[in-house]
Amino acid sequence: MVLSVAAPLSLVETRPAQAQWDDGYEDVPRRRAREYYRDDGGYGARQANRRYAPPQEQQRQFYWPWEDRTQQAPPAPTPGARPTRPRSPAYADEPRSRRPRPAAPVAAQPKPAVPKAEPSIRIAVFGDSLASYLKSGLTDVFEDNADVAVIDRSRGDSGLVRRDVVDWPKAAEEFIKAGSKPAYAVVMLGANDRQAIREGDQSAEPLTERWREIYRGRVDALVKVFSEQKVPLIWVGAPPMRSESLTKDIAAINEIYRERVSRGGGTYVDVWPGFVDERNRFVVSGPDLEGQPAKLRTSDGVHFTKAGARKVAHFADVELKRLMGAGAPAPADAQAAPAVAATPAPTLEGTIPKLDDTAALDRHITAMLPSLPEPPGIPALPVKPAAGPVVPLSRPEVSPGGVLLSGRPGEPDPSGAVERTLQRGAPPPPQPGRADDFRWPPG
């Protein structure tokens, strides 16, 4: 009886101890899931579905030819959202195109070179480094003319002073007699000639009287070669330089060229005005052939740029075309006064020049124009004297009282108002209605 009662008691007493020391998670009642994990369609469920929605497979951009493109159903519209405009099927599977890049500028195509097979006119250019630039400019001038060829016979370090470098009279004669006789000859020298000349055992300093005498003889020798070979000569003067002293000497050498070439029957071309400003000073930049500002000279202050070479060639081109139109230069009288260019032969009356003869056309048009009337003479203006009559200050008074000799005699003043007002300073009596009449009532 006792045992049967004790056994249940022991069981009852040990149960709380086990609960105290064995409080594992198995016996703890689990909490209920939160509201947002419910599948009842509430707010929590929508948030859970949005947060843990399975990732959708991205639409493929590339398909093999043997594959079929999967047609995905359009997503269901969201309540309250604005309807979107569907994209065009033609561009639905294509990536977004970028902004088109601007087209690259198209380079100008070079002008086709005109073949020059057996040109009928050959122009030989002789001289120093300046002549090489002149040849480049003339080549550009006659680039489109297949009948004209420009031959370069220049040497940069040459001149008429140093015969040991190039003896120009001898070199020009050998070139002409070798079978390469040119139709026209162009000479440009002077850049290297400001130095002493050695004649035998003696040496002459630059631009002295002895130097000028020797230099004139060498210019005459070169001009004589072309005159004897019947080759028209165009001698181009040297331009101004950056150095003032060199410019001054170049101007003196140009005067020798002008004098001796004109006496020898050639044509002298002065390019000086095309490379100076209004004060006759050297300029690096200036107007080109089209009147646009351009750099004409290089940094050394001696040579030309491409625009400068084309400009200096224009001066020679004018004389070349004039000689081509005239057929042959008119012989110059040895005793005549120096002239820059020979006068072209006139066109015969009743003869219509050819269309390609530019110089003859110009002369024909000029002859057809009526002559302009002579301008009237300038009217003679009266000459104003430098000073008026001289009156001595110590001369005795000739007009007593300060009366002018040419003045009218004064009128009598019976009332004495003039004497009272001008001499005594008394105010004149007021007149009725005048501003100084302060009587009241007025009148």
Protein backbone atom coordinates (compact mmCIF):
# COMPACT_ATOMS: atom_id res chain seq x y z
CA MET A 1 0.00 0.00 0.00
CA VAL A 2 2.85 2.24 0.79
CA LEU A 3 4.73 1.34 -2.30
CA SER A 4 1.85 1.96 -4.55
CA VAL A 5 1.52 5.45 -3.22
CA ALA A 6 5.22 6.31 -3.33
CA ALA A 7 5.71 5.45 -6.90
CA PRO A 8 3.30 8.00 -8.21
CA LEU A 9 4.77 10.58 -5.87
CA SER A 10 8.26 10.09 -7.24
CA LEU A 11 7.04 10.46 -10.69
CA VAL A 12 5.29 13.66 -9.91
CA GLU A 13 8.33 15.12 -8.12
CA THR A 14 10.88 14.31 -10.82
CA ARG A 15 8.91 15.84 -13.63
CA PRO A 16 9.53 19.49 -12.66
CA ALA A 17 13.26 18.81 -12.34
CA GLN A 18 13.38 17.41 -15.79
CA ALA A 19 11.54 20.40 -17.10
CA GLN A 20 13.99 22.71 -15.34
CA TRP A 21 17.21 21.26 -16.68
CA ASP A 22 16.01 19.82 -19.97
CA ASP A 23 14.33 22.84 -21.55
CA GLY A 24 15.23 21.99 -25.15
CA TYR A 25 13.66 23.41 -28.23
CA GLU A 26 11.66 20.29 -28.79
CA ASP A 27 9.23 21.02 -25.98
CA VAL A 28 9.00 24.78 -26.63
CA PRO A 29 5.89 25.62 -28.60
CA ARG A 30 6.72 27.25 -31.93
CA ARG A 31 5.52 30.78 -32.67
CA ARG A 32 3.00 31.42 -35.32
CA ALA A 33 4.20 32.75 -38.65
CA ARG A 34 3.99 36.46 -39.13
CA GLU A 35 1.22 37.98 -41.07
CA TYR A 36 3.28 38.82 -44.13
CA TYR A 37 4.09 35.15 -44.72
CA ARG A 38 0.46 34.23 -45.11
CA ASP A 39 -0.94 33.26 -48.47
CA ASP A 40 -4.22 34.97 -47.88
CA GLY A 41 -3.59 37.68 -50.50
CA GLY A 42 -3.01 40.41 -47.93
CA TYR A 43 -0.40 43.13 -47.86
CA GLY A 44 2.13 40.90 -46.24
CA ALA A 45 1.67 38.23 -48.87
CA ARG A 46 2.15 40.72 -51.68
CA GLN A 47 5.33 42.01 -50.09
CA ALA A 48 6.62 38.48 -49.62
CA ASN A 49 5.85 37.57 -53.19
CA ARG A 50 7.55 40.71 -54.43
CA ARG A 51 10.59 40.14 -52.32
CA TYR A 52 10.99 36.44 -53.02
CA ALA A 53 9.61 36.29 -56.54
CA PRO A 54 11.56 33.81 -58.71
CA PRO A 55 13.90 35.46 -61.26
CA GLN A 56 12.53 35.53 -64.74
CA GLU A 57 14.62 34.30 -67.63
CA GLN A 58 15.99 37.14 -69.69
CA GLN A 59 14.95 37.33 -73.26
CA ARG A 60 17.66 36.07 -75.57
CA GLN A 61 19.12 38.37 -78.19
CA PHE A 62 20.63 35.71 -80.42
CA TYR A 63 19.08 32.60 -81.92
CA TRP A 64 20.58 29.98 -84.15
CA PRO A 65 18.93 29.53 -87.53
CA TRP A 66 17.52 26.11 -86.50
CA GLU A 67 16.01 27.40 -83.23
CA ASP A 68 12.50 28.70 -82.75
CA ARG A 69 12.03 31.95 -80.93
CA THR A 70 9.94 31.64 -77.84
CA GLN A 71 6.92 33.89 -77.80
CA GLN A 72 6.52 35.26 -74.31
CA ALA A 73 3.16 36.40 -73.17
CA PRO A 74 2.97 40.08 -72.34
CA PRO A 75 2.86 40.82 -68.61
CA ALA A 76 -0.48 41.54 -67.06
CA PRO A 77 -1.18 45.24 -66.65
CA THR A 78 -0.86 46.59 -63.14
CA PRO A 79 -4.07 48.14 -61.81
CA GLY A 80 -3.85 51.90 -61.90
CA ALA A 81 -0.70 52.04 -64.12
CA ARG A 82 -0.59 54.01 -67.36
CA PRO A 83 -0.81 51.85 -70.48
CA THR A 84 2.49 51.66 -72.34
CA ARG A 85 2.73 51.78 -76.08
CA PRO A 86 3.99 48.45 -77.43
CA ARG A 87 7.20 48.52 -79.41
CA SER A 88 7.23 47.68 -83.05
CA PRO A 89 7.83 43.95 -83.73
CA ALA A 90 10.54 44.82 -86.22
CA TYR A 91 12.67 46.39 -83.47
CA ALA A 92 11.55 44.41 -80.44
CA ASP A 93 14.48 41.99 -80.51
CA GLU A 94 17.12 44.51 -81.56
CA PRO A 95 19.30 46.45 -79.11
CA ARG A 96 18.89 50.18 -78.78
CA SER A 97 20.86 51.97 -81.48
CA ARG A 98 23.37 54.63 -80.58
CA ARG A 99 23.47 58.14 -81.96
CA PRO A 100 24.99 58.04 -85.44
CA ARG A 101 28.44 59.48 -85.58
CA PRO A 102 29.00 62.48 -87.88
CA ALA A 103 30.46 61.57 -91.19
CA ALA A 104 34.16 62.21 -91.56
CA PRO A 105 35.05 65.13 -93.84
CA VAL A 106 35.80 64.01 -97.32
CA ALA A 107 39.25 65.08 -98.45
CA ALA A 108 39.38 67.06 -101.64
CA GLN A 109 40.40 64.92 -104.53
CA PRO A 110 43.64 66.07 -106.16
CA LYS A 111 43.35 67.49 -109.61
CA PRO A 112 44.24 64.98 -112.27
CA ALA A 113 47.66 65.66 -113.67
CA VAL A 114 47.59 66.77 -117.26
CA PRO A 115 50.03 64.65 -119.25
CA LYS A 116 52.75 66.81 -120.80
CA ALA A 117 54.00 64.83 -123.73
CA GLU A 118 56.42 66.75 -125.90
CA PRO A 119 55.57 70.33 -124.82
CA SER A 120 56.01 72.90 -127.54
CA ILE A 121 57.12 75.73 -125.19
CA ARG A 122 60.01 75.29 -122.78
CA ILE A 123 60.78 77.91 -120.11
CA ALA A 124 64.20 77.64 -118.43
CA VAL A 125 64.73 79.27 -115.04
CA PHE A 126 68.32 80.24 -114.12
CA GLY A 127 69.57 81.66 -110.82
CA ASP A 128 70.09 81.07 -107.12
CA SER A 129 67.76 79.79 -104.39
CA LEU A 130 65.24 82.54 -105.14
CA ALA A 131 65.01 81.22 -108.70
CA SER A 132 64.06 77.77 -107.39
CA TYR A 133 61.00 79.27 -105.68
CA LEU A 134 60.21 81.18 -108.84
CA LYS A 135 60.32 77.91 -110.80
CA SER A 136 57.86 76.30 -108.35
CA GLY A 137 55.46 79.20 -108.81
CA LEU A 138 55.69 79.05 -112.59
CA THR A 139 55.04 75.32 -112.47
CA ASP A 140 51.77 76.01 -110.65
CA VAL A 141 50.89 78.70 -113.19
CA PHE A 142 51.25 76.35 -116.19
CA GLU A 143 50.03 73.23 -114.42
CA ASP A 144 46.96 72.91 -116.65
CA ASN A 145 48.78 73.82 -119.86
CA ALA A 146 50.22 70.72 -121.51
CA ASP A 147 52.08 72.79 -124.11
CA VAL A 148 54.32 74.56 -121.56
CA ALA A 149 57.12 72.96 -119.54
CA VAL A 150 59.18 74.76 -116.87
CA ILE A 151 62.81 73.61 -116.55
CA ASP A 152 64.73 74.20 -113.32
CA ARG A 153 68.34 75.30 -113.94
CA SER A 154 68.89 77.01 -110.57
CA ARG A 155 71.51 76.42 -107.90
CA GLY A 156 71.00 77.69 -104.38
CA ASP A 157 74.52 78.91 -103.49
CA SER A 158 75.32 80.52 -106.84
CA GLY A 159 75.51 84.10 -108.10
CA LEU A 160 77.47 86.38 -110.40
CA VAL A 161 80.19 87.06 -107.83
CA ARG A 162 81.45 83.49 -107.26
CA ARG A 163 82.44 82.07 -110.63
CA ASP A 164 84.04 79.09 -108.92
CA VAL A 165 80.57 77.89 -107.91
CA VAL A 166 78.72 78.48 -111.19
CA ASP A 167 79.88 80.52 -114.16
CA TRP A 168 76.42 81.51 -115.32
CA PRO A 169 77.29 82.88 -118.79
CA LYS A 170 79.18 79.70 -119.59
CA ALA A 171 76.56 77.41 -118.03
CA ALA A 172 73.68 79.07 -119.89
CA GLU A 173 75.51 78.90 -123.22
CA GLU A 174 76.32 75.22 -122.77
CA PHE A 175 72.71 74.43 -121.86
CA ILE A 176 71.35 76.17 -124.97
CA LYS A 177 73.92 74.66 -127.35
CA ALA A 178 73.38 71.17 -125.96
CA GLY A 179 70.12 70.91 -127.87
CA SER A 180 67.83 72.06 -125.04
CA LYS A 181 67.17 75.49 -126.41
CA PRO A 182 64.32 77.00 -124.42
CA ALA A 183 61.64 79.22 -125.88
CA TYR A 184 62.04 81.70 -123.01
CA ALA A 185 64.64 82.27 -120.30
CA VAL A 186 63.90 83.59 -116.79
CA VAL A 187 66.74 84.73 -114.51
CA MET A 188 66.58 85.64 -110.80
CA LEU A 189 69.80 86.39 -108.88
CA GLY A 190 71.16 88.62 -106.16
CA ALA A 191 70.63 86.80 -102.84
CA ASN A 192 74.31 85.70 -102.61
CA ASP A 193 76.02 88.58 -104.42
CA ARG A 194 76.62 90.97 -101.51
CA GLN A 195 80.26 89.96 -101.14
CA ALA A 196 83.64 90.95 -102.45
CA ILE A 197 84.53 90.22 -106.07
CA ARG A 198 87.96 88.83 -106.93
CA GLU A 199 89.21 89.88 -110.35
CA GLY A 200 92.66 88.44 -110.87
CA ASP A 201 94.83 89.27 -107.88
CA GLN A 202 92.63 92.16 -106.77
CA SER A 203 89.50 92.15 -104.65
CA ALA A 204 86.74 94.76 -104.72
CA GLU A 205 84.53 95.36 -101.70
CA PRO A 206 80.73 95.14 -102.18
CA LEU A 207 79.03 98.08 -103.92
CA THR A 208 82.20 100.09 -104.35
CA GLU A 209 82.76 101.77 -107.68
CA ARG A 210 85.16 99.05 -108.81
CA TRP A 211 82.72 96.36 -107.66
CA ARG A 212 79.85 97.93 -109.60
CA GLU A 213 81.98 98.10 -112.75
CA ILE A 214 82.89 94.41 -112.59
CA TYR A 215 79.34 93.38 -111.72
CA ARG A 216 77.87 95.31 -114.67
CA GLY A 217 80.24 93.45 -116.97
CA ARG A 218 79.10 90.08 -115.65
CA VAL A 219 75.42 90.99 -116.04
CA ASP A 220 76.12 92.09 -119.63
CA ALA A 221 77.89 88.79 -120.33
CA LEU A 222 74.88 86.75 -119.20
CA VAL A 223 72.40 88.93 -121.10
CA LYS A 224 74.54 88.65 -124.23
CA VAL A 225 74.32 84.85 -124.21
CA PHE A 226 70.52 84.91 -124.54
CA SER A 227 70.48 87.75 -127.07
CA GLU A 228 72.96 85.93 -129.34
CA GLN A 229 70.98 82.68 -129.13
CA LYS A 230 67.73 84.53 -129.88
CA VAL A 231 66.12 83.49 -126.59
CA PRO A 232 63.78 86.10 -125.06
CA LEU A 233 65.01 87.01 -121.59
CA ILE A 234 62.96 88.00 -118.51
CA TRP A 235 65.09 89.10 -115.57
CA VAL A 236 63.21 89.16 -112.25
CA GLY A 237 64.56 91.54 -109.62
CA ALA A 238 65.25 90.42 -106.06
CA PRO A 239 62.67 91.26 -103.34
CA PRO A 240 63.40 93.15 -100.10
CA MET A 241 64.85 91.20 -97.16
CA ARG A 242 64.27 91.30 -93.41
CA SER A 243 67.70 92.83 -92.79
CA GLU A 244 67.65 96.57 -93.47
CA SER A 245 71.28 96.69 -94.60
CA LEU A 246 70.74 93.73 -96.94
CA THR A 247 67.57 95.35 -98.31
CA LYS A 248 69.48 98.53 -99.05
CA ASP A 249 72.19 96.62 -100.95
CA ILE A 250 69.60 94.52 -102.84
CA ALA A 251 67.93 97.71 -104.03
CA ALA A 252 71.27 98.95 -105.40
CA ILE A 253 71.91 95.63 -107.16
CA ASN A 254 68.40 95.73 -108.68
CA GLU A 255 69.19 99.10 -110.22
CA ILE A 256 72.18 97.52 -111.98
CA TYR A 257 69.91 94.74 -113.28
CA ARG A 258 67.34 97.23 -114.52
CA GLU A 259 69.89 99.30 -116.41
CA ARG A 260 71.95 96.51 -118.02
CA VAL A 261 69.05 94.18 -118.90
CA SER A 262 67.10 96.95 -120.60
CA ARG A 263 70.21 97.96 -122.58
CA GLY A 264 70.76 94.36 -123.64
CA GLY A 265 67.24 93.93 -125.05
CA GLY A 266 65.75 91.91 -122.21
CA THR A 267 62.75 92.56 -119.98
CA TYR A 268 63.24 93.56 -116.36
CA VAL A 269 60.44 92.68 -113.90
CA ASP A 270 60.25 94.53 -110.60
CA VAL A 271 58.64 92.47 -107.79
CA TRP A 272 59.56 94.90 -105.01
CA PRO A 273 56.08 96.53 -104.63
CA GLY A 274 54.45 93.14 -104.03
CA PHE A 275 56.42 92.43 -100.83
CA VAL A 276 56.45 95.77 -98.97
CA ASP A 277 53.85 97.78 -97.06
CA GLU A 278 52.65 101.31 -97.70
CA ARG A 279 55.87 102.63 -96.10
CA ASN A 280 58.06 100.57 -98.43
CA ARG A 281 59.14 98.27 -95.60
CA PHE A 282 59.66 94.51 -95.62
CA VAL A 283 56.59 92.46 -94.65
CA VAL A 284 56.26 88.76 -93.88
CA SER A 285 52.53 88.58 -94.68
CA GLY A 286 50.44 90.36 -97.24
CA PRO A 287 47.70 89.87 -99.80
CA ASP A 288 48.03 86.89 -102.09
CA LEU A 289 46.83 86.70 -105.70
CA GLU A 290 43.19 86.51 -104.54
CA GLY A 291 43.55 89.48 -102.20
CA GLN A 292 43.43 87.34 -99.05
CA PRO A 293 46.02 87.82 -96.27
CA ALA A 294 48.68 85.11 -96.40
CA LYS A 295 52.24 84.47 -95.25
CA LEU A 296 54.54 85.30 -98.16
CA ARG A 297 58.06 84.97 -96.70
CA THR A 298 59.72 82.28 -94.62
CA SER A 299 61.19 82.73 -91.16
CA ASP A 300 64.68 83.49 -92.51
CA GLY A 301 63.39 86.70 -94.10
CA VAL A 302 64.86 85.81 -97.51
CA HIS A 303 62.93 83.05 -99.24
CA PHE A 304 59.25 82.59 -100.12
CA THR A 305 56.41 80.44 -98.92
CA LYS A 306 54.16 78.65 -101.40
CA ALA A 307 51.86 81.68 -101.57
CA GLY A 308 54.87 83.98 -101.96
CA ALA A 309 56.36 81.84 -104.72
CA ARG A 310 53.04 81.91 -106.55
CA LYS A 311 52.90 85.68 -106.19
CA VAL A 312 56.44 86.32 -107.44
CA ALA A 313 55.73 83.96 -110.36
CA HIS A 314 52.71 86.08 -111.26
CA PHE A 315 54.96 89.04 -112.07
CA ALA A 316 57.00 86.92 -114.48
CA ASP A 317 53.88 85.23 -115.85
CA VAL A 318 52.47 88.58 -116.99
CA GLU A 319 55.56 89.23 -119.13
CA LEU A 320 55.71 85.64 -120.36
CA LYS A 321 52.14 85.75 -121.63
CA ARG A 322 52.78 89.13 -123.19
CA LEU A 323 55.77 87.74 -125.08
CA MET A 324 53.81 84.65 -126.07
CA GLY A 325 51.04 86.83 -127.45
CA ALA A 326 53.43 89.13 -129.29
CA GLY A 327 55.34 86.23 -130.82
CA ALA A 328 58.77 87.73 -130.16
CA PRO A 329 60.07 90.63 -128.09
CA ALA A 330 60.68 93.90 -129.87
CA PRO A 331 64.40 94.71 -130.11
CA ALA A 332 65.44 97.51 -127.82
CA ASP A 333 67.69 100.29 -129.01
CA ALA A 334 71.03 100.22 -127.30
CA GLN A 335 71.03 104.01 -126.90
CA ALA A 336 67.40 104.25 -125.79
CA ALA A 337 66.43 105.10 -122.27
CA PRO A 338 66.03 102.12 -119.93
CA ALA A 339 62.54 100.67 -119.93
CA VAL A 340 61.01 98.01 -117.76
CA ALA A 341 59.21 96.17 -120.58
CA ALA A 342 59.31 96.35 -124.34
CA THR A 343 56.18 97.60 -126.11
CA PRO A 344 54.29 94.76 -127.83
CA ALA A 345 53.69 94.90 -131.58
CA PRO A 346 50.24 96.25 -132.50
CA THR A 347 47.65 94.02 -134.13
CA LEU A 348 46.99 94.54 -137.84
CA GLU A 349 43.78 96.33 -138.69
CA GLY A 350 40.95 94.08 -139.73
CA THR A 351 42.66 90.98 -138.27
CA ILE A 352 40.74 89.17 -135.55
CA PRO A 353 43.12 87.56 -133.05
CA LYS A 354 42.77 83.93 -132.03
CA LEU A 355 40.73 83.08 -128.94
CA ASP A 356 43.76 81.61 -127.15
CA ASP A 357 45.82 84.73 -127.76
CA THR A 358 45.03 86.63 -124.56
CA ALA A 359 47.40 89.55 -125.11
CA ALA A 360 46.19 90.12 -128.67
CA LEU A 361 42.57 90.03 -127.53
CA ASP A 362 43.28 92.65 -124.87
CA ARG A 363 44.89 94.95 -127.42
CA HIS A 364 42.03 94.41 -129.86
CA ILE A 365 39.40 95.26 -127.23
CA THR A 366 41.38 98.32 -126.12
CA ALA A 367 41.55 99.57 -129.72
CA MET A 368 37.76 99.21 -130.09
CA LEU A 369 36.96 101.25 -126.99
CA PRO A 370 36.35 104.97 -127.52
CA SER A 371 38.99 107.27 -126.19
CA LEU A 372 38.09 109.06 -123.00
CA PRO A 373 37.97 112.89 -123.04
CA GLU A 374 40.81 114.72 -121.49
CA PRO A 375 40.07 115.87 -117.96
CA PRO A 376 39.46 119.61 -117.61
CA GLY A 377 42.21 121.71 -116.19
CA ILE A 378 42.33 122.33 -112.49
CA PRO A 379 40.90 125.81 -111.74
CA ALA A 380 43.43 128.23 -110.36
CA LEU A 381 42.73 129.16 -106.75
CA PRO A 382 43.45 132.67 -105.46
CA VAL A 383 46.78 132.88 -103.73
CA LYS A 384 46.44 134.00 -100.14
CA PRO A 385 49.19 136.35 -98.97
CA ALA A 386 51.48 135.06 -96.28
CA ALA A 387 50.94 138.21 -94.11
CA GLY A 388 48.97 141.45 -94.16
CA PRO A 389 50.31 145.03 -94.24
CA VAL A 390 53.00 145.80 -91.70
CA VAL A 391 52.12 148.70 -89.39
CA PRO A 392 54.93 150.03 -87.17
CA LEU A 393 54.00 150.45 -83.53
CA SER A 394 56.01 153.69 -83.14
CA ARG A 395 54.21 155.49 -85.94
CA PRO A 396 52.44 158.70 -84.86
CA GLU A 397 48.67 158.62 -84.49
CA VAL A 398 46.90 159.29 -87.77
CA SER A 399 43.31 159.04 -86.50
CA PRO A 400 42.70 161.46 -83.60
CA GLY A 401 40.15 160.19 -81.15
CA GLY A 402 40.46 156.60 -82.47
CA VAL A 403 38.19 157.23 -85.42
CA LEU A 404 38.71 154.73 -88.25
CA LEU A 405 39.92 156.19 -91.50
CA SER A 406 37.32 154.22 -93.41
CA GLY A 407 34.52 154.82 -90.92
CA ARG A 408 31.48 156.99 -91.56
CA PRO A 409 31.30 160.37 -89.85
CA GLY A 410 29.30 160.28 -86.63
CA GLU A 411 25.72 161.63 -86.61
CA PRO A 412 24.89 164.49 -84.24
CA ASP A 413 23.38 163.60 -80.84
CA PRO A 414 21.16 166.53 -79.85
CA SER A 415 19.71 164.71 -76.82
CA GLY A 416 23.13 163.78 -75.41
CA ALA A 417 22.01 160.19 -74.76
CA VAL A 418 25.13 158.68 -76.36
CA GLU A 419 27.54 160.80 -74.32
CA ARG A 420 25.54 160.28 -71.12
CA THR A 421 25.34 156.49 -71.57
CA LEU A 422 28.68 155.54 -73.11
CA GLN A 423 30.97 158.12 -71.52
CA ARG A 424 29.36 158.82 -68.15
CA GLY A 425 27.83 155.39 -67.62
CA ALA A 426 24.39 156.69 -66.76
CA PRO A 427 21.50 154.38 -67.73
CA PRO A 428 19.35 155.63 -70.57
CA PRO A 429 15.90 156.90 -69.66
CA PRO A 430 13.27 154.13 -69.83
CA GLN A 431 10.96 154.05 -72.77
CA PRO A 432 7.28 153.18 -72.41
CA GLY A 433 6.69 149.46 -72.99
CA ARG A 434 10.37 148.48 -72.71
CA ALA A 435 11.69 145.90 -70.23
CA ASP A 436 13.39 148.57 -68.12
CA ASP A 437 10.15 150.59 -67.72
CA PHE A 438 9.08 149.83 -64.15
CA ARG A 439 6.48 152.57 -63.77
CA TRP A 440 3.12 151.58 -62.37
CA PRO A 441 0.58 151.78 -63.73
CA PRO A 442 2.37 151.18 -67.00
CA GLY A 443 2.21 153.90 -69.61
